[in-house]
Protein backbone atom coordinates (compact mmCIF):
# COMPACT_ATOMS: atom_id res chain seq x y z
CA MET A 1 -51.49 -46.36 38.05
CA ILE A 2 -51.36 -48.51 34.94
CA PHE A 3 -50.36 -51.55 36.97
CA ARG A 4 -53.17 -50.94 39.46
CA ASN A 5 -55.72 -50.77 36.64
CA LEU A 6 -54.29 -53.91 35.10
CA TYR A 7 -54.46 -55.63 38.50
CA TYR A 8 -58.13 -54.72 38.91
CA LEU A 9 -58.89 -55.82 35.36
CA ILE A 10 -57.31 -59.24 35.88
CA LEU A 11 -58.92 -59.60 39.31
CA GLY A 12 -62.32 -58.76 37.84
CA MET A 13 -61.87 -61.26 35.06
CA LEU A 14 -60.86 -64.01 37.50
CA LEU A 15 -63.72 -63.29 39.87
CA GLY A 16 -66.17 -63.13 36.99
CA THR A 17 -64.99 -66.47 35.70
CA VAL A 18 -65.02 -68.23 39.06
CA LEU A 19 -68.30 -66.80 40.31
CA GLY A 20 -70.01 -66.83 36.91
CA ALA A 21 -71.62 -70.20 37.51
CA PHE A 22 -72.97 -69.22 40.94
CA ILE A 23 -74.54 -65.80 40.41
CA CYS A 24 -77.57 -64.43 38.62
CA ASP A 25 -77.57 -62.84 35.17
CA ASP A 26 -78.05 -59.31 36.52
CA THR A 27 -74.91 -59.57 38.62
CA LYS A 28 -73.02 -61.05 35.67
CA LYS A 29 -73.98 -58.00 33.62
CA LYS A 30 -72.70 -55.68 36.37
CA ILE A 31 -69.38 -57.55 36.56
CA THR A 32 -69.00 -57.45 32.78
CA LYS A 33 -69.75 -53.73 32.74
CA ALA A 34 -67.18 -53.08 35.49
CA MET A 35 -64.55 -55.09 33.60
CA GLN A 36 -65.26 -53.15 30.41
CA LYS A 37 -64.95 -49.87 32.31
CA LYS A 38 -61.55 -50.87 33.74
CA ALA A 39 -60.41 -52.03 30.31
CA THR A 40 -61.44 -48.69 28.84
CA GLN A 41 -59.57 -46.82 31.57
CA LEU A 42 -56.48 -48.93 31.01
CA SER A 43 -56.69 -48.35 27.28
CA GLY A 44 -57.02 -44.60 27.88
CA CYS A 45 -53.94 -44.57 30.13
CA LEU A 46 -51.88 -46.47 27.59
CA LYS A 47 -53.08 -44.27 24.76
CA SER A 48 -52.31 -41.03 26.59
CA SER A 49 -48.89 -42.35 27.61
CA SER A 50 -48.07 -43.32 24.04
CA GLU A 51 -49.27 -39.94 22.77
CA LYS A 52 -47.05 -38.18 25.31
CA ALA A 53 -44.09 -40.32 24.26
CA GLU A 54 -44.78 -39.55 20.61
CA GLU A 55 -44.87 -35.80 21.35
CA ALA A 56 -41.60 -36.04 23.28
CA ILE A 57 -39.92 -37.90 20.41
CA HIS A 58 -41.20 -35.31 17.94
CA THR A 59 -39.87 -32.48 20.13
CA ILE A 60 -36.47 -34.17 20.41
CA LYS A 61 -36.32 -34.70 16.65
CA ASN A 62 -37.05 -31.03 16.06
CA ALA A 63 -34.40 -30.02 18.57
CA VAL A 64 -31.81 -32.25 16.89
CA LYS A 65 -32.74 -30.84 13.47
CA GLY A 66 -32.25 -27.34 14.88
CA LEU A 67 -28.72 -28.21 16.05
CA THR A 68 -27.57 -29.53 12.67
């Protein structure tokens, strides 16, 4: 899922760059908004994944402390 979001983000950036000279300002605003939305989703995925990893590490640390 993260790679798919990253793919769409990069694709949107490339299309926005290439087509930027040929399209109207309203469409440019829509493309920019879509790119920001994908970037926010990607950031949310990475944040939730890192939070889950942090919780797992904390749980493992507590388990190891309980064994010693």
